[in-house]
C-alpha cells in the first residue's frame, strides 16, 4: 500500500531503516560495549556502572547460566524493578543464547505461576524483595535455577551493605522467604568469571524476548519478539529521535528511566535505546515516590524522558518539580495510554518541552507511531507511522475505511511479533490473512497520515445506539480544576443499554457530584455525559500506571447486581 504519510516525515528521517545491519540484539549491544566502554551506562542510587562493567558482568553471568546446563532457546525469567542488576541480566541471558522473559515484580503468586508455566522458564533472576512470591508457587513451575539479587549488590561498599540492612531490618521491605537452592547474584557472577561463555550462533529469526501482555484485555499472553523484531523497533526509534535532539548534547545523552524496564516501552525507549546511543540511564526503582523522583531528577541535566500520562500528571502537580532545570530536556515521549491535553498543557508550561505522544503495544515491540520529536505543541494524536511500518484502519469486515472514519488500527512491519508464545489460536485471532496485526484499538487517520486513538474496541460504550468513547469524556472531566484524574466505564442500563459511569480522584476535596455533572453537561452532548459519578482516593493501575478500566467496570457491574 502507498504510505502517504511519508511526505510529512521530519527532515532526515528515512522511510525505512536497514534492519539487516545487525544479526541480533547481541551484536548491537556488543558494538556499544566496545564503542562506549568507559562511559557510564546506568546510574542507580548515585552509583554508576559503565558499559565495560555491564559487558564483563554479563559475560560472567551468561557463562554461569550455561554452566547450569541451560541450552540455546531456553527461557530465563527476570523479575526485578529498575536496579543495576537488570541490564546485566538481560545482556547475560541474550549473549548466552537464551530467551528473556520479562516479569512484573509486583505480580501476585497466581500471576507469576501462570507466566512461569506458560513460558516454560527454567531459571529466574529475581530481587529478594519478591522472593516470597516465588516461594509460594515454585513447586508448580518448571524453574530449576534461581539467582537471587539484593538491591545493594552492585552499589559498592559500604553503601550496598547499608542499603540491604535498611531494607531488611529497618523498613522490613523483604518478606520472609526460604529458597535454599538459590544462588546469590554476586556469587553467580564470581563463579561465572571462572568459566568461558560459549558464543551461540544467534540469527535474526531467533526469539529474543517473551513480552507478556498487560492483561488489560484478558489472560496475559507472551508476545514473541525476535532479535530482528527488536532491532527493527530500536533502529526506527533512534531515527525518529534525531530531529528532536535540536542542539548539541554536552557529553552523553541522559535518560530519566522512571518507567519499569520490564515493560516493553521502557525496555526499548530507555534500556536499549540509550545503550545504542551511548547514553546513560538514570534508573528510578520506585517511580510512585514522586518527591523522591523529583529529588533524583534534580541531580542531572537530563535530555530524554519517556513517561505515561499518570506520571506526567503527578510530576506537574508536585510543587518542587517546577523548580528543576529543564534547559537540556529535548524529548518527553508519552505512551502507554492517552496523554490528556490538560496534562500536556501544564507540562509544556513548566518544562518548555512538549510531550510527544506515541503509540505501541507489547505485540509491536513498543512504539510504531509517534509525533515528530521536533514538534512544538501537543497535537492530540499518536502521530505518524514510524519507519518500516504500514498502518491500515479497518472496519469489522477487515476492509479499509475512508480517511477520517473510525476503524480498528492494523499494523504490519518487522516490528510486529512473530505471534503469541505457543498460542496459534490466539495469534490467528489478531492477524489478517495479509499479515496485519489487529490492535483492538479504534483510531482515525487524517489526510496527513496522523492517527488519533478514539478508544479500545471493548472500552467503547453504547448509549442508545450512540458510540461513547471514554477517552473523550475523561479528557473533558480533567479540564475541571477540581479533578486530579478520572476513569470512565460503561455500565448496564435498562433504558439505554449502557450508561456512562465516571470514577474520580479529586484535587479539590470540596468538589461535588452536582458541580462536576454540570461541568460535563456544558462540554458534552447529552448521551456522553456521566449518569453516575463516584469519588475515589485512587484508581487501580497496571505496572506502568495505565488505569484498569476493566477492573472498575467489573466492580460496578457486581455492585449493581447486588443492589438489584
Protein backbone atom coordinates (compact mmCIF):
# COMPACT_ATOMS: atom_id res chain seq x y z
CA UNK A 1 0.00 0.00 0.00
CA UNK A 2 1.07 3.59 -0.51
CA UNK A 3 2.49 5.14 2.66
CA UNK A 4 1.14 8.63 2.03
CA UNK A 5 2.30 9.84 5.45
CA UNK A 6 5.98 9.69 4.42
CA UNK A 7 5.76 13.15 2.82
CA UNK A 8 5.06 14.56 6.31
CA UNK A 9 8.12 12.97 7.92
CA UNK A 10 10.60 15.30 9.64
CA UNK A 11 13.68 16.08 7.56
CA UNK A 12 16.33 13.37 7.80
CA UNK A 13 14.04 10.54 8.95
CA UNK A 14 14.15 7.65 6.43
CA UNK A 15 11.08 5.77 5.21
CA UNK A 16 12.81 2.55 6.27
CA UNK A 17 15.81 1.63 8.37
CA UNK A 18 18.18 -1.18 7.42
CA UNK A 19 17.35 -3.96 9.85
CA UNK A 20 19.93 -6.29 8.25
CA UNK A 21 22.90 -4.38 9.66
CA UNK A 22 22.86 -6.44 12.87
CA UNK A 23 22.17 -10.19 13.01
CA UNK A 24 20.98 -9.91 16.62
CA UNK A 25 20.43 -7.62 19.58
CA UNK A 26 23.61 -9.15 21.00
CA UNK A 27 25.69 -7.84 18.05
CA UNK A 28 24.26 -4.34 18.58
CA UNK A 29 24.93 -4.40 22.34
CA UNK A 30 28.47 -5.70 21.91
CA UNK A 31 29.21 -2.88 19.48
CA UNK A 32 28.11 -0.37 22.14
CA UNK A 33 30.13 -2.16 24.84
CA UNK A 34 33.27 -1.58 22.78
CA UNK A 35 32.44 1.87 21.46
CA UNK A 36 31.47 3.41 24.82
CA UNK A 37 33.49 1.13 27.09
CA UNK A 38 34.49 3.69 29.73
CA UNK A 39 31.28 5.74 29.63
CA UNK A 40 28.52 5.43 32.18
CA UNK A 41 25.65 3.20 31.05
CA UNK A 42 23.42 3.17 34.14
CA UNK A 43 23.15 5.12 37.39
CA UNK A 44 21.06 3.94 40.32
CA UNK A 45 21.02 5.48 43.79
CA UNK A 46 24.08 7.58 42.80
CA UNK A 47 26.12 4.51 41.82
CA UNK A 48 27.27 4.46 38.18
CA UNK A 49 28.02 1.37 36.10
CA UNK A 50 29.97 1.68 32.82
CA UNK A 51 29.35 -0.05 29.51
CA UNK A 52 32.50 -2.03 30.15
CA UNK A 53 31.22 -3.23 33.53
CA UNK A 54 27.90 -4.33 32.01
CA UNK A 55 29.94 -6.19 29.38
CA UNK A 56 32.17 -8.02 31.86
CA UNK A 57 29.45 -8.91 34.35
CA UNK A 58 27.02 -10.10 31.68
CA UNK A 59 29.67 -12.41 30.16
CA UNK A 60 30.25 -13.92 33.62
CA UNK A 61 26.54 -14.31 34.41
CA UNK A 62 25.85 -15.79 30.97
CA UNK A 63 28.67 -18.32 31.46
CA UNK A 64 27.28 -19.20 34.90
CA UNK A 65 23.83 -19.92 33.44
CA UNK A 66 25.33 -22.03 30.65
CA UNK A 67 27.24 -23.91 33.31
CA UNK A 68 23.93 -24.98 34.84
CA UNK A 69 23.12 -26.89 31.68
CA UNK A 70 20.79 -24.39 30.02
CA UNK A 71 20.76 -24.64 26.22
CA UNK A 72 20.15 -22.14 23.41
CA UNK A 73 16.47 -21.16 23.29
CA UNK A 74 15.78 -21.91 26.97
CA UNK A 75 13.75 -19.25 28.75
CA UNK A 76 15.12 -17.25 31.68
CA UNK A 77 12.74 -15.06 33.69
CA UNK A 78 13.92 -11.69 35.03
CA UNK A 79 11.83 -10.34 37.91
CA UNK A 80 13.30 -7.02 39.03
CA UNK A 81 12.47 -3.33 39.15
CA UNK A 82 14.89 -0.68 37.82
CA UNK A 83 18.10 -1.73 39.58
CA UNK A 84 21.62 -2.14 38.19
CA UNK A 85 21.31 -5.93 38.01
CA UNK A 86 18.50 -5.72 35.45
CA UNK A 87 20.55 -4.64 32.39
CA UNK A 88 23.33 -7.07 33.36
CA UNK A 89 20.78 -9.90 33.49
CA UNK A 90 19.21 -9.01 30.11
CA UNK A 91 22.59 -8.86 28.35
CA UNK A 92 23.70 -12.11 30.02
CA UNK A 93 20.60 -14.04 29.01
CA UNK A 94 20.74 -12.86 25.39
CA UNK A 95 24.51 -13.35 24.99
CA UNK A 96 24.20 -16.92 26.26
CA UNK A 97 21.56 -17.61 23.58
CA UNK A 98 18.61 -17.81 25.95
CA UNK A 99 15.26 -16.01 25.78
CA UNK A 100 14.45 -13.15 28.17
CA UNK A 101 11.09 -13.46 29.93
CA UNK A 102 10.30 -10.07 31.44
CA UNK A 103 8.28 -10.45 34.65
CA UNK A 104 6.46 -7.74 36.58
CA UNK A 105 7.88 -7.93 40.14
CA UNK A 106 4.54 -6.80 41.58
CA UNK A 107 2.79 -9.92 40.30
CA UNK A 108 0.65 -11.94 42.69
CA UNK A 109 1.58 -15.61 43.14
CA UNK A 110 -1.23 -16.62 40.74
CA UNK A 111 0.03 -14.28 38.00
CA UNK A 112 3.65 -15.35 38.47
CA UNK A 113 2.78 -19.03 38.34
CA UNK A 114 0.87 -18.51 35.09
CA UNK A 115 3.75 -16.70 33.40
CA UNK A 116 6.48 -19.10 34.51
CA UNK A 117 4.45 -22.12 33.41
CA UNK A 118 3.30 -20.52 30.17
CA UNK A 119 6.84 -19.51 29.17
CA UNK A 120 8.43 -22.74 30.41
CA UNK A 121 11.16 -20.72 32.14
CA UNK A 122 13.84 -22.96 33.67
CA UNK A 123 15.73 -20.22 35.50
CA UNK A 124 14.83 -16.94 37.18
CA UNK A 125 16.88 -13.93 38.23
CA UNK A 126 14.88 -12.24 40.96
CA UNK A 127 15.25 -9.46 43.53
CA UNK A 128 14.91 -10.82 47.07
CA UNK A 129 12.10 -8.35 47.82
CA UNK A 130 9.86 -10.60 45.70
CA UNK A 131 11.30 -13.99 46.64
CA UNK A 132 8.36 -14.75 48.94
CA UNK A 133 6.03 -14.69 45.93
CA UNK A 134 8.26 -17.12 44.04
CA UNK A 135 8.49 -19.45 47.04
CA UNK A 136 4.68 -19.79 47.10
CA UNK A 137 4.49 -21.12 43.54
CA UNK A 138 7.91 -22.68 42.91
CA UNK A 139 6.83 -26.37 43.10
CA UNK A 140 4.18 -25.73 40.42
CA UNK A 141 6.63 -24.15 37.95
CA UNK A 142 9.42 -25.52 35.71
CA UNK A 143 12.05 -23.34 37.47
CA UNK A 144 15.23 -25.29 38.26
CA UNK A 145 17.73 -22.46 38.93
CA UNK A 146 17.31 -19.27 40.99
CA UNK A 147 19.70 -16.32 41.03
CA UNK A 148 18.79 -14.08 43.95
CA UNK A 149 19.71 -10.39 43.88
CA UNK A 150 19.66 -7.75 46.62
CA UNK A 151 19.23 -4.03 45.97
CA UNK A 152 22.69 -3.32 47.39
CA UNK A 153 24.61 -5.96 45.37
CA UNK A 154 26.24 -3.55 42.90
CA UNK A 155 26.20 -0.35 44.98
CA UNK A 156 29.71 -0.90 46.39
CA UNK A 157 30.99 -0.93 49.99
CA UNK A 158 29.78 0.30 52.42
CA UNK A 159 26.68 1.69 50.67
CA UNK A 160 25.43 -1.70 49.45
CA UNK A 161 25.67 -3.19 52.94
CA UNK A 162 23.85 -0.23 54.48
CA UNK A 163 21.06 -0.26 51.86
CA UNK A 164 20.48 -4.01 52.32
CA UNK A 165 20.44 -3.64 56.11
CA UNK A 166 17.91 -0.80 56.00
CA UNK A 167 15.61 -2.66 53.58
CA UNK A 168 15.78 -5.92 55.54
CA UNK A 169 15.89 -4.79 59.15
CA UNK A 170 14.57 -1.22 59.33
CA UNK A 171 11.95 -0.90 56.59
CA UNK A 172 11.07 -4.64 56.71
CA UNK A 173 10.69 -4.42 52.91
CA UNK A 174 11.66 -8.04 52.30
CA UNK A 175 9.02 -10.59 53.37
CA UNK A 176 10.45 -13.77 54.90
CA UNK A 177 11.25 -16.48 52.37
CA UNK A 178 13.01 -19.81 52.06
CA UNK A 179 14.67 -20.67 48.75
CA UNK A 180 17.52 -22.98 49.83
CA UNK A 181 18.63 -23.76 46.27
CA UNK A 182 19.03 -20.08 45.30
CA UNK A 183 22.46 -18.67 44.46
CA UNK A 184 23.23 -15.02 45.26
CA UNK A 185 23.73 -12.68 42.30
CA UNK A 186 27.29 -11.69 43.20
CA UNK A 187 28.21 -15.34 43.81
CA UNK A 188 26.87 -16.29 40.36
CA UNK A 189 28.99 -13.53 38.79
CA UNK A 190 32.04 -14.71 40.74
CA UNK A 191 31.57 -18.35 39.69
CA UNK A 192 30.93 -17.31 36.09
CA UNK A 193 34.24 -15.45 35.90
CA UNK A 194 35.97 -18.80 36.16
CA UNK A 195 34.02 -20.18 33.21
CA UNK A 196 34.01 -19.44 29.47
CA UNK A 197 30.92 -18.10 27.72
CA UNK A 198 30.09 -20.25 24.70
CA UNK A 199 29.05 -17.95 21.87
CA UNK A 200 25.96 -19.44 20.23
CA UNK A 201 25.08 -18.61 16.63
CA UNK A 202 22.15 -16.20 17.00
CA UNK A 203 20.14 -15.40 13.88
CA UNK A 204 17.67 -12.56 13.18
CA UNK A 205 14.83 -15.12 13.37
CA UNK A 206 15.75 -16.41 16.83
CA UNK A 207 13.48 -15.44 19.70
CA UNK A 208 14.97 -12.72 21.93
CA UNK A 209 12.19 -11.82 24.38
CA UNK A 210 8.81 -13.06 25.57
CA UNK A 211 6.99 -9.85 26.46
CA UNK A 212 3.77 -10.65 28.25
CA UNK A 213 0.74 -8.53 27.53
CA UNK A 214 -0.53 -6.38 30.37
CA UNK A 215 -3.66 -8.44 30.86
CA UNK A 216 -5.94 -5.45 30.32
CA UNK A 217 -7.68 -7.45 27.59
CA UNK A 218 -7.90 -10.84 29.29
CA UNK A 219 -5.36 -13.57 30.07
CA UNK A 220 -1.73 -12.50 29.84
CA UNK A 221 -0.08 -13.88 26.68
CA UNK A 222 3.58 -13.89 25.65
CA UNK A 223 4.30 -11.73 22.62
CA UNK A 224 7.17 -13.50 20.82
CA UNK A 225 9.74 -10.85 19.89
CA UNK A 226 12.56 -11.98 17.60
CA UNK A 227 16.03 -10.43 17.55
CA UNK A 228 15.10 -8.89 14.19
CA UNK A 229 11.85 -7.52 15.65
CA UNK A 230 13.62 -5.66 18.44
CA UNK A 231 16.39 -4.42 16.11
CA UNK A 232 13.73 -3.01 13.77
CA UNK A 233 11.97 -1.13 16.55
CA UNK A 234 15.18 0.09 18.13
CA UNK A 235 16.68 1.48 14.91
CA UNK A 236 13.37 3.10 13.92
CA UNK A 237 13.15 4.69 17.38
CA UNK A 238 16.70 6.02 17.04
CA UNK A 239 15.94 7.55 13.62
CA UNK A 240 12.75 9.09 14.98
CA UNK A 241 14.58 10.63 17.94
CA UNK A 242 17.21 12.51 15.97
CA UNK A 243 15.16 15.57 14.83
CA UNK A 244 14.24 16.22 18.48
CA UNK A 245 17.87 16.46 19.58
CA UNK A 246 17.83 20.05 18.39
CA UNK A 247 21.07 21.15 20.00
CA UNK A 248 24.43 19.63 20.75
CA UNK A 249 24.38 17.48 23.88
CA UNK A 250 27.28 18.07 26.24
CA UNK A 251 28.72 14.64 26.95
CA UNK A 252 26.33 11.69 26.93
CA UNK A 253 22.56 11.83 26.37
CA UNK A 254 20.92 11.43 29.79
CA UNK A 255 17.68 9.41 30.01
CA UNK A 256 15.40 9.51 33.05
CA UNK A 257 14.20 5.90 33.32
CA UNK A 258 11.20 6.14 35.64
CA UNK A 259 9.12 3.60 33.71
CA UNK A 260 9.85 -0.05 34.61
CA UNK A 261 12.39 -1.71 32.33
CA UNK A 262 10.45 -4.97 32.36
CA UNK A 263 7.71 -3.16 30.41
CA UNK A 264 8.21 -3.01 26.63
CA UNK A 265 8.02 0.81 26.47
CA UNK A 266 10.97 1.41 28.82
CA UNK A 267 12.76 -1.75 27.66
CA UNK A 268 13.14 -0.26 24.17
CA UNK A 269 12.89 3.52 24.74
CA UNK A 270 15.22 3.66 27.74
CA UNK A 271 17.20 0.46 28.24
CA UNK A 272 18.17 -0.45 24.69
CA UNK A 273 17.88 2.96 23.01
CA UNK A 274 20.23 4.65 25.48
CA UNK A 275 22.80 1.87 25.05
CA UNK A 276 22.52 2.20 21.27
CA UNK A 277 23.07 5.98 21.51
CA UNK A 278 25.86 5.79 24.08
CA UNK A 279 23.57 7.38 26.65
CA UNK A 280 23.24 6.93 30.40
CA UNK A 281 20.06 5.72 32.05
CA UNK A 282 19.19 7.19 35.45
CA UNK A 283 17.28 4.27 36.96
CA UNK A 284 14.34 5.04 39.26
CA UNK A 285 13.45 1.90 41.26
CA UNK A 286 10.23 3.38 42.72
CA UNK A 287 8.57 6.00 40.47
CA UNK A 288 5.50 6.07 42.71
CA UNK A 289 7.58 8.06 45.19
CA UNK A 290 7.12 11.36 43.33
CA UNK A 291 9.08 13.54 45.83
CA UNK A 292 11.95 11.01 45.62
CA UNK A 293 11.79 11.01 41.81
CA UNK A 294 11.87 14.81 41.66
CA UNK A 295 14.86 14.88 44.02
CA UNK A 296 16.71 12.35 41.82
CA UNK A 297 15.92 14.29 38.63
CA UNK A 298 17.36 17.40 40.25
CA UNK A 299 20.85 15.80 40.22
CA UNK A 300 21.13 15.57 36.43
CA UNK A 301 20.94 17.66 33.26
CA UNK A 302 18.60 15.21 31.57
CA UNK A 303 17.75 15.18 27.86
CA UNK A 304 15.13 12.47 27.26
CA UNK A 305 12.26 11.27 29.44
CA UNK A 306 9.69 8.69 28.33
CA UNK A 307 6.56 8.62 30.51
CA UNK A 308 2.86 7.89 30.78
CA UNK A 309 0.05 10.38 31.39
CA UNK A 310 -0.30 9.46 35.07
CA UNK A 311 3.42 10.08 35.68
CA UNK A 312 3.45 13.42 33.82
CA UNK A 313 0.31 14.42 35.74
CA UNK A 314 1.77 13.52 39.14
CA UNK A 315 5.00 15.40 38.40
CA UNK A 316 3.25 18.59 37.27
CA UNK A 317 1.24 18.55 40.50
CA UNK A 318 4.40 18.39 42.63
CA UNK A 319 5.50 21.93 43.60
CA UNK A 320 9.21 21.06 43.62
CA UNK A 321 9.10 19.72 40.06
CA UNK A 322 8.71 23.23 38.62
CA UNK A 323 12.00 24.23 40.30
CA UNK A 324 14.07 21.75 38.25
CA UNK A 325 16.40 22.77 35.43
CA UNK A 326 14.72 21.79 32.13
CA UNK A 327 17.14 23.64 29.86
CA UNK A 328 18.55 20.36 28.49
CA UNK A 329 15.24 18.46 28.18
CA UNK A 330 14.67 17.87 24.45
CA UNK A 331 12.28 14.91 24.23
CA UNK A 332 9.42 13.97 26.56
CA UNK A 333 7.88 10.90 24.97
CA UNK A 334 4.36 9.95 26.08
CA UNK A 335 2.90 6.48 25.56
CA UNK A 336 1.16 3.56 27.27
CA UNK A 337 -2.14 5.42 27.49
CA UNK A 338 -3.70 8.58 26.08
CA UNK A 339 -1.92 11.81 27.05
CA UNK A 340 -4.60 14.26 28.16
CA UNK A 341 -4.48 17.77 26.77
CA UNK A 342 -4.76 19.39 30.21
CA UNK A 343 -1.70 17.41 31.40
CA UNK A 344 0.26 18.15 28.21
CA UNK A 345 -0.52 21.87 28.51
CA UNK A 346 0.66 22.03 32.12
CA UNK A 347 3.81 20.02 31.33
CA UNK A 348 4.70 22.36 28.47
CA UNK A 349 4.14 25.45 30.63
CA UNK A 350 6.53 24.12 33.29
CA UNK A 351 9.23 22.46 31.16
CA UNK A 352 9.03 24.31 27.82
CA UNK A 353 9.29 20.86 26.20
CA UNK A 354 6.12 19.40 24.65
CA UNK A 355 5.03 15.83 25.32
CA UNK A 356 5.49 13.94 22.06
CA UNK A 357 2.83 11.25 22.12
CA UNK A 358 3.37 7.88 20.51
CA UNK A 359 1.66 4.52 20.41
CA UNK A 360 2.70 0.90 20.57
CA UNK A 361 1.96 -2.44 22.17
CA UNK A 362 3.81 -5.44 23.55
CA UNK A 363 2.87 -7.14 20.27
CA UNK A 364 4.71 -4.47 18.25
CA UNK A 365 7.80 -4.39 20.50
CA UNK A 366 6.83 -0.89 21.68
CA UNK A 367 6.26 2.21 19.55
CA UNK A 368 5.05 2.04 15.96
CA UNK A 369 3.60 5.55 15.62
CA UNK A 370 4.81 8.82 17.12
CA UNK A 371 4.52 12.56 16.71
CA UNK A 372 7.67 14.15 15.28
CA UNK A 373 10.14 14.68 18.10
CA UNK A 374 10.74 18.24 16.93
CA UNK A 375 7.08 19.12 17.49
CA UNK A 376 6.42 22.34 19.36
CA UNK A 377 2.95 21.58 20.72
CA UNK A 378 0.52 18.84 21.77
CA UNK A 379 -1.40 17.50 18.76
CA UNK A 380 -3.98 15.23 20.38
CA UNK A 381 -2.85 12.43 18.04
CA UNK A 382 -0.47 9.48 18.30
CA UNK A 383 1.42 10.86 15.32
CA UNK A 384 2.61 9.19 12.11
CA UNK A 385 3.60 5.56 11.44
CA UNK A 386 7.34 5.20 12.07
CA UNK A 387 9.95 3.81 9.62
CA UNK A 388 9.25 0.31 8.22
CA UNK A 389 5.65 0.44 9.46
CA UNK A 390 2.42 0.14 7.48
CA UNK A 391 -0.87 1.08 9.16
CA UNK A 392 -4.39 0.48 7.93
CA UNK A 393 -7.70 1.45 9.52
CA UNK A 394 -10.18 -1.41 9.11
CA UNK A 395 -13.91 -1.95 9.55
CA UNK A 396 -15.37 -5.02 11.26
CA UNK A 397 -15.16 -6.96 7.99
CA UNK A 398 -11.45 -6.21 7.53
CA UNK A 399 -11.94 -3.62 4.80
CA UNK A 400 -10.15 -0.27 4.71
CA UNK A 401 -12.33 2.64 5.86
CA UNK A 402 -12.16 6.11 4.26
CA UNK A 403 -9.83 8.71 5.79
CA UNK A 404 -11.47 10.41 8.75
CA UNK A 405 -13.61 7.36 9.59
CA UNK A 406 -13.06 5.38 12.83
CA UNK A 407 -11.85 1.80 12.49
CA UNK A 408 -9.51 -0.73 14.03
CA UNK A 409 -5.82 0.13 13.79
CA UNK A 410 -3.96 -2.68 11.99
CA UNK A 411 -0.15 -2.78 11.79
CA UNK A 412 2.37 -4.54 9.57
CA UNK A 413 6.15 -4.40 9.66
CA UNK A 414 9.24 -6.12 11.08
CA UNK A 415 8.38 -4.59 14.49
CA UNK A 416 5.34 -6.88 14.81
CA UNK A 417 5.68 -10.03 16.94
CA UNK A 418 6.07 -13.50 15.45
CA UNK A 419 2.89 -14.48 17.33
CA UNK A 420 1.75 -15.32 20.85
CA UNK A 421 4.03 -17.87 22.51
CA UNK A 422 2.64 -21.36 21.84
CA UNK A 423 -0.86 -19.96 21.15
CA UNK A 424 -1.51 -20.29 17.41
CA UNK A 425 -5.26 -19.98 18.02
CA UNK A 426 -4.85 -16.62 19.78
CA UNK A 427 -2.38 -15.47 17.12
CA UNK A 428 -4.85 -16.30 14.36
CA UNK A 429 -7.49 -14.10 16.01
CA UNK A 430 -5.33 -10.96 15.76
CA UNK A 431 -3.64 -11.42 12.36
CA UNK A 432 -5.22 -10.67 8.99
CA UNK A 433 -4.55 -13.03 6.04
CA UNK A 434 -2.11 -10.48 4.57
CA UNK A 435 -0.08 -10.18 7.78
CA UNK A 436 -1.51 -7.15 9.57
CA UNK A 437 -1.80 -7.26 13.38
CA UNK A 438 -5.21 -6.09 14.58
CA UNK A 439 -4.54 -3.92 17.63
CA UNK A 440 -8.02 -3.83 19.17
CA UNK A 441 -7.75 -0.05 19.25
CA UNK A 442 -10.13 2.24 17.39
CA UNK A 443 -8.44 5.08 15.52
CA UNK A 444 -8.98 7.69 12.84
CA UNK A 445 -6.34 8.65 10.24
CA UNK A 446 -6.42 12.12 8.68
CA UNK A 447 -5.20 13.07 5.22
CA UNK A 448 -1.68 13.79 6.55
CA UNK A 449 -1.34 10.29 7.99
CA UNK A 450 -1.71 11.41 11.63
CA UNK A 451 -3.73 8.95 13.72
CA UNK A 452 -5.99 9.75 16.64
CA UNK A 453 -6.92 7.00 19.07
CA UNK A 454 -10.63 7.00 19.74
CA UNK A 455 -10.54 4.09 22.18
CA UNK A 456 -10.16 0.38 22.68
CA UNK A 457 -12.89 -1.50 20.87
CA UNK A 458 -14.08 -3.14 24.04
CA UNK A 459 -13.94 0.10 26.08
CA UNK A 460 -16.43 1.79 23.78
CA UNK A 461 -19.78 2.48 25.47
CA UNK A 462 -23.01 2.13 23.50
CA UNK A 463 -25.67 4.52 24.80
CA UNK A 464 -28.98 4.25 22.96
CA UNK A 465 -27.15 3.31 19.78
CA UNK A 466 -24.60 6.14 20.06
CA UNK A 467 -20.89 5.39 20.49
CA UNK A 468 -19.30 6.98 23.57
CA UNK A 469 -15.51 6.82 23.84
CA UNK A 470 -14.21 7.00 27.43
CA UNK A 471 -11.05 8.91 26.43
CA UNK A 472 -13.15 11.84 25.23
CA UNK A 473 -15.25 12.02 28.42
CA UNK A 474 -12.16 11.70 30.64
CA UNK A 475 -10.34 14.44 28.71
CA UNK A 476 -13.25 16.81 29.36
CA UNK A 477 -13.57 15.95 33.05
CA UNK A 478 -9.89 16.54 33.84
CA UNK A 479 -10.24 20.08 32.49
CA UNK A 480 -12.21 20.82 35.69
CA UNK A 481 -9.75 22.35 38.20
CA UNK A 482 -11.12 20.16 41.00
CA UNK A 483 -10.36 16.87 39.20
CA UNK A 484 -6.96 15.20 39.59
CA UNK A 485 -7.72 12.17 37.41
CA UNK A 486 -10.64 10.01 36.37
CA UNK A 487 -11.71 6.84 34.57
CA UNK A 488 -14.89 6.28 32.58
CA UNK A 489 -16.58 2.90 32.02
CA UNK A 490 -19.87 1.65 30.62
CA UNK A 491 -22.39 0.03 32.96
CA UNK A 492 -25.65 -1.78 32.11
CA UNK A 493 -28.73 0.45 31.88
CA UNK A 494 -32.28 -0.80 31.31
CA UNK A 495 -33.28 2.28 29.30
CA UNK A 496 -30.24 3.00 27.13
CA UNK A 497 -28.44 -0.37 27.07
CA UNK A 498 -25.39 1.14 28.70
CA UNK A 499 -24.77 4.28 30.72
CA UNK A 500 -21.62 6.28 31.42
CA UNK A 501 -20.06 5.92 34.87
CA UNK A 502 -17.13 8.04 35.99
CA UNK A 503 -14.69 7.33 38.83
CA UNK A 504 -12.95 10.49 40.03
CA UNK A 505 -9.95 11.32 42.21
CA UNK A 506 -10.44 14.86 43.45
CA UNK A 507 -7.83 17.59 43.56
CA UNK A 508 -10.31 19.79 45.42
CA UNK A 509 -11.89 17.86 48.32
CA UNK A 510 -14.93 20.16 48.18
CA UNK A 511 -15.83 19.23 44.61
CA UNK A 512 -19.38 17.84 44.48
CA UNK A 513 -21.00 15.41 42.08
CA UNK A 514 -23.57 18.03 41.05
CA UNK A 515 -20.83 20.55 40.22
CA UNK A 516 -18.94 18.04 38.09
CA UNK A 517 -22.15 16.84 36.40
CA UNK A 518 -22.94 20.43 35.46
CA UNK A 519 -19.44 20.94 34.07
CA UNK A 520 -19.70 17.78 31.94
CA UNK A 521 -23.15 18.77 30.70
CA UNK A 522 -21.69 22.03 29.43
CA UNK A 523 -18.96 20.28 27.48
CA UNK A 524 -20.51 17.02 26.31
CA UNK A 525 -23.59 16.16 24.33
CA UNK A 526 -26.36 14.54 26.37
CA UNK A 527 -25.64 10.86 25.73
CA UNK A 528 -21.92 11.31 26.53
CA UNK A 529 -22.26 12.89 29.96
CA UNK A 530 -21.88 10.64 33.03
CA UNK A 531 -25.03 9.21 34.53
CA UNK A 532 -23.11 8.16 37.64
CA UNK A 533 -20.09 9.68 39.41
CA UNK A 534 -18.17 8.05 42.23
CA UNK A 535 -15.29 9.69 44.11
CA UNK A 536 -12.24 7.57 44.99
CA UNK A 537 -8.92 8.19 46.73
CA UNK A 538 -7.10 6.31 43.94
CA UNK A 539 -7.68 4.23 40.82
CA UNK A 540 -6.45 0.70 40.02
CA UNK A 541 -3.47 0.61 37.63
CA UNK A 542 -1.23 -1.71 35.67
CA UNK A 543 2.52 -1.87 36.37
CA UNK A 544 3.19 1.15 34.15
CA UNK A 545 0.43 3.29 35.58
CA UNK A 546 -2.28 2.63 32.99
CA UNK A 547 -5.70 2.85 34.64
CA UNK A 548 -7.52 -0.50 34.66
CA UNK A 549 -10.95 0.39 33.34
CA UNK A 550 -11.88 -3.31 33.13
CA UNK A 551 -11.43 -3.75 36.88
CA UNK A 552 -13.62 -0.72 37.59
CA UNK A 553 -16.26 -1.91 35.13
CA UNK A 554 -16.39 -5.39 36.67
CA UNK A 555 -16.71 -3.87 40.14
CA UNK A 556 -19.52 -1.53 39.03
CA UNK A 557 -21.45 -4.41 37.44
CA UNK A 558 -21.09 -6.51 40.63
CA UNK A 559 -22.31 -3.65 42.81
CA UNK A 560 -25.30 -3.04 40.55
CA UNK A 561 -26.20 -6.73 40.58
CA UNK A 562 -26.16 -6.76 44.39
CA UNK A 563 -28.29 -3.61 44.55
CA UNK A 564 -30.84 -5.16 42.21
